[in-house]
């Protein structure tokens, strides 16, 4: 980040391999990352913690990414503009709420960093 402050990122991704790759990548970019395997753990991680960016898979068991986004943004409306969805779904299958704010899987790490940087500079 341009002001020298470390970005705090919440990463909710049920695919362990994807989660590990993204977590390592973001840590190499000097971000503080809290990586969780599902929406339930993400909601728990958000309790009392401020995140600069939230990255979540759309399709997760129990609490999916859209449910997570809605619940989190109801409690903390400022998170709405800080959210990046990941999805392996075709464009037409991506829920309306995620359109315009999602990246396709397999993820391009440079696209992830570009999206994170854009949010961080707002």
Protein backbone atom coordinates (compact mmCIF):
# COMPACT_ATOMS: atom_id res chain seq x y z
CA UNK A 1 0.00 0.00 0.00
CA UNK A 2 1.27 3.45 -0.82
CA UNK A 3 1.07 4.74 2.77
CA UNK A 4 3.25 1.86 3.98
CA UNK A 5 0.46 0.24 5.99
CA UNK A 6 0.07 -3.51 5.64
CA UNK A 7 -3.20 -4.55 4.01
CA UNK A 8 -5.43 -6.84 6.08
CA UNK A 9 -7.16 -9.35 3.83
CA UNK A 10 -9.76 -11.98 4.63
CA UNK A 11 -9.64 -14.92 2.22
CA UNK A 12 -12.59 -17.36 2.28
CA UNK A 13 -12.02 -20.25 -0.11
CA UNK A 14 -13.07 -23.87 0.36
CA UNK A 15 -10.57 -25.27 -2.16
CA UNK A 16 -7.45 -25.83 -0.08
CA UNK A 17 -5.04 -25.57 -3.03
CA UNK A 18 -6.50 -22.29 -4.27
CA UNK A 19 -6.58 -20.93 -0.72
CA UNK A 20 -2.92 -21.82 -0.13
CA UNK A 21 -1.73 -20.32 -3.43
CA UNK A 22 -3.60 -17.07 -2.84
CA UNK A 23 -2.51 -16.85 0.78
CA UNK A 24 1.17 -17.33 -0.15
CA UNK A 25 0.91 -14.83 -2.99
CA UNK A 26 -0.71 -12.15 -0.83
CA UNK A 27 1.81 -12.68 1.96
CA UNK A 28 4.61 -12.20 -0.58
CA UNK A 29 2.94 -8.87 -1.37
CA UNK A 30 3.36 -8.05 2.35
CA UNK A 31 -0.32 -8.43 3.21
CA UNK A 32 -1.63 -9.75 6.51
CA UNK A 33 -3.92 -12.62 5.45
CA UNK A 34 -6.54 -14.48 7.43
CA UNK A 35 -7.40 -17.54 5.33
CA UNK A 36 -10.49 -19.59 6.17
CA UNK A 37 -12.14 -22.59 4.47
CA UNK A 38 -15.77 -21.46 4.53
CA UNK A 39 -18.29 -18.71 5.09
CA UNK A 40 -18.99 -19.67 8.70
CA UNK A 41 -15.32 -19.26 9.60
CA UNK A 42 -15.22 -16.01 7.61
CA UNK A 43 -18.10 -14.54 9.62
CA UNK A 44 -16.35 -15.53 12.84
CA UNK A 45 -13.08 -13.95 11.62
CA UNK A 46 -14.90 -10.69 10.85
CA UNK A 47 -16.16 -10.37 14.40
CA UNK A 48 -14.21 -7.46 15.82
CA UNK A 49 -11.64 -7.40 13.03
CA UNK A 50 -11.35 -4.79 10.29
CA UNK A 51 -10.35 -5.99 6.85
CA UNK A 52 -9.26 -3.78 3.98
CA UNK A 53 -10.27 -6.39 1.40
CA UNK A 54 -12.36 -9.56 1.48
CA UNK A 55 -11.82 -12.23 -1.16
CA UNK A 56 -14.36 -15.04 -1.21
CA UNK A 57 -15.35 -17.92 -3.38
CA UNK A 58 -18.94 -17.75 -4.63
CA UNK A 59 -19.65 -21.47 -4.24
CA UNK A 60 -18.83 -22.65 -0.71
CA UNK A 61 -20.72 -25.15 1.45
CA UNK A 62 -23.03 -24.09 4.31
CA UNK A 63 -22.65 -20.31 3.88
CA UNK A 64 -21.81 -19.49 0.27
CA UNK A 65 -19.98 -16.35 -0.84
CA UNK A 66 -23.13 -14.40 -1.67
CA UNK A 67 -24.72 -15.23 1.69
CA UNK A 68 -21.46 -14.29 3.39
CA UNK A 69 -21.33 -10.97 1.51
CA UNK A 70 -24.95 -10.12 2.35
CA UNK A 71 -24.59 -10.97 6.01
CA UNK A 72 -21.26 -9.17 6.38
CA UNK A 73 -22.46 -6.06 4.54
CA UNK A 74 -25.64 -5.90 6.61
CA UNK A 75 -23.51 -5.67 9.73
CA UNK A 76 -20.76 -3.54 8.13
CA UNK A 77 -21.92 -1.70 4.98
CA UNK A 78 -18.42 -0.41 4.22
CA UNK A 79 -17.39 -3.95 3.27
CA UNK A 80 -19.57 -3.92 0.17
CA UNK A 81 -17.00 -1.92 -1.80
CA UNK A 82 -14.11 -4.00 -0.45
CA UNK A 83 -15.26 -7.38 -1.78
CA UNK A 84 -13.80 -9.58 -4.52
CA UNK A 85 -15.59 -12.79 -5.49
CA UNK A 86 -13.88 -15.78 -7.09
CA UNK A 87 -15.89 -18.12 -9.28
CA UNK A 88 -15.45 -21.06 -11.61
CA UNK A 89 -19.02 -20.50 -12.86
CA UNK A 90 -19.78 -19.28 -16.36
CA UNK A 91 -20.65 -15.57 -16.55
CA UNK A 92 -24.36 -16.32 -16.94
CA UNK A 93 -24.32 -18.52 -13.81
CA UNK A 94 -22.68 -15.98 -11.51
CA UNK A 95 -25.27 -14.53 -9.13
CA UNK A 96 -26.31 -10.96 -9.89
CA UNK A 97 -24.82 -9.68 -6.63
CA UNK A 98 -21.34 -10.83 -7.68
CA UNK A 99 -21.36 -9.50 -11.24
CA UNK A 100 -18.83 -6.83 -11.91
CA UNK A 101 -16.84 -7.73 -8.84
CA UNK A 102 -15.59 -11.25 -9.50
CA UNK A 103 -12.57 -12.99 -10.96
CA UNK A 104 -12.71 -16.26 -12.85
CA UNK A 105 -11.02 -19.40 -11.60
CA UNK A 106 -8.42 -20.51 -12.23
CA UNK A 107 -7.31 -17.18 -10.86
CA UNK A 108 -4.72 -15.00 -12.50
CA UNK A 109 -2.58 -13.74 -9.63
CA UNK A 110 -1.84 -10.45 -11.38
CA UNK A 111 -5.61 -9.88 -11.74
CA UNK A 112 -6.07 -10.61 -8.03
CA UNK A 113 -3.37 -8.12 -7.12
CA UNK A 114 -4.81 -5.53 -9.48
CA UNK A 115 -8.25 -5.88 -7.88
CA UNK A 116 -6.80 -5.75 -4.35
CA UNK A 117 -4.74 -2.67 -5.23
CA UNK A 118 -7.75 -0.92 -6.76
CA UNK A 119 -9.78 -1.46 -3.60
CA UNK A 120 -6.89 -0.39 -1.38
CA UNK A 121 -6.47 2.93 -3.17
CA UNK A 122 -10.14 3.96 -2.92
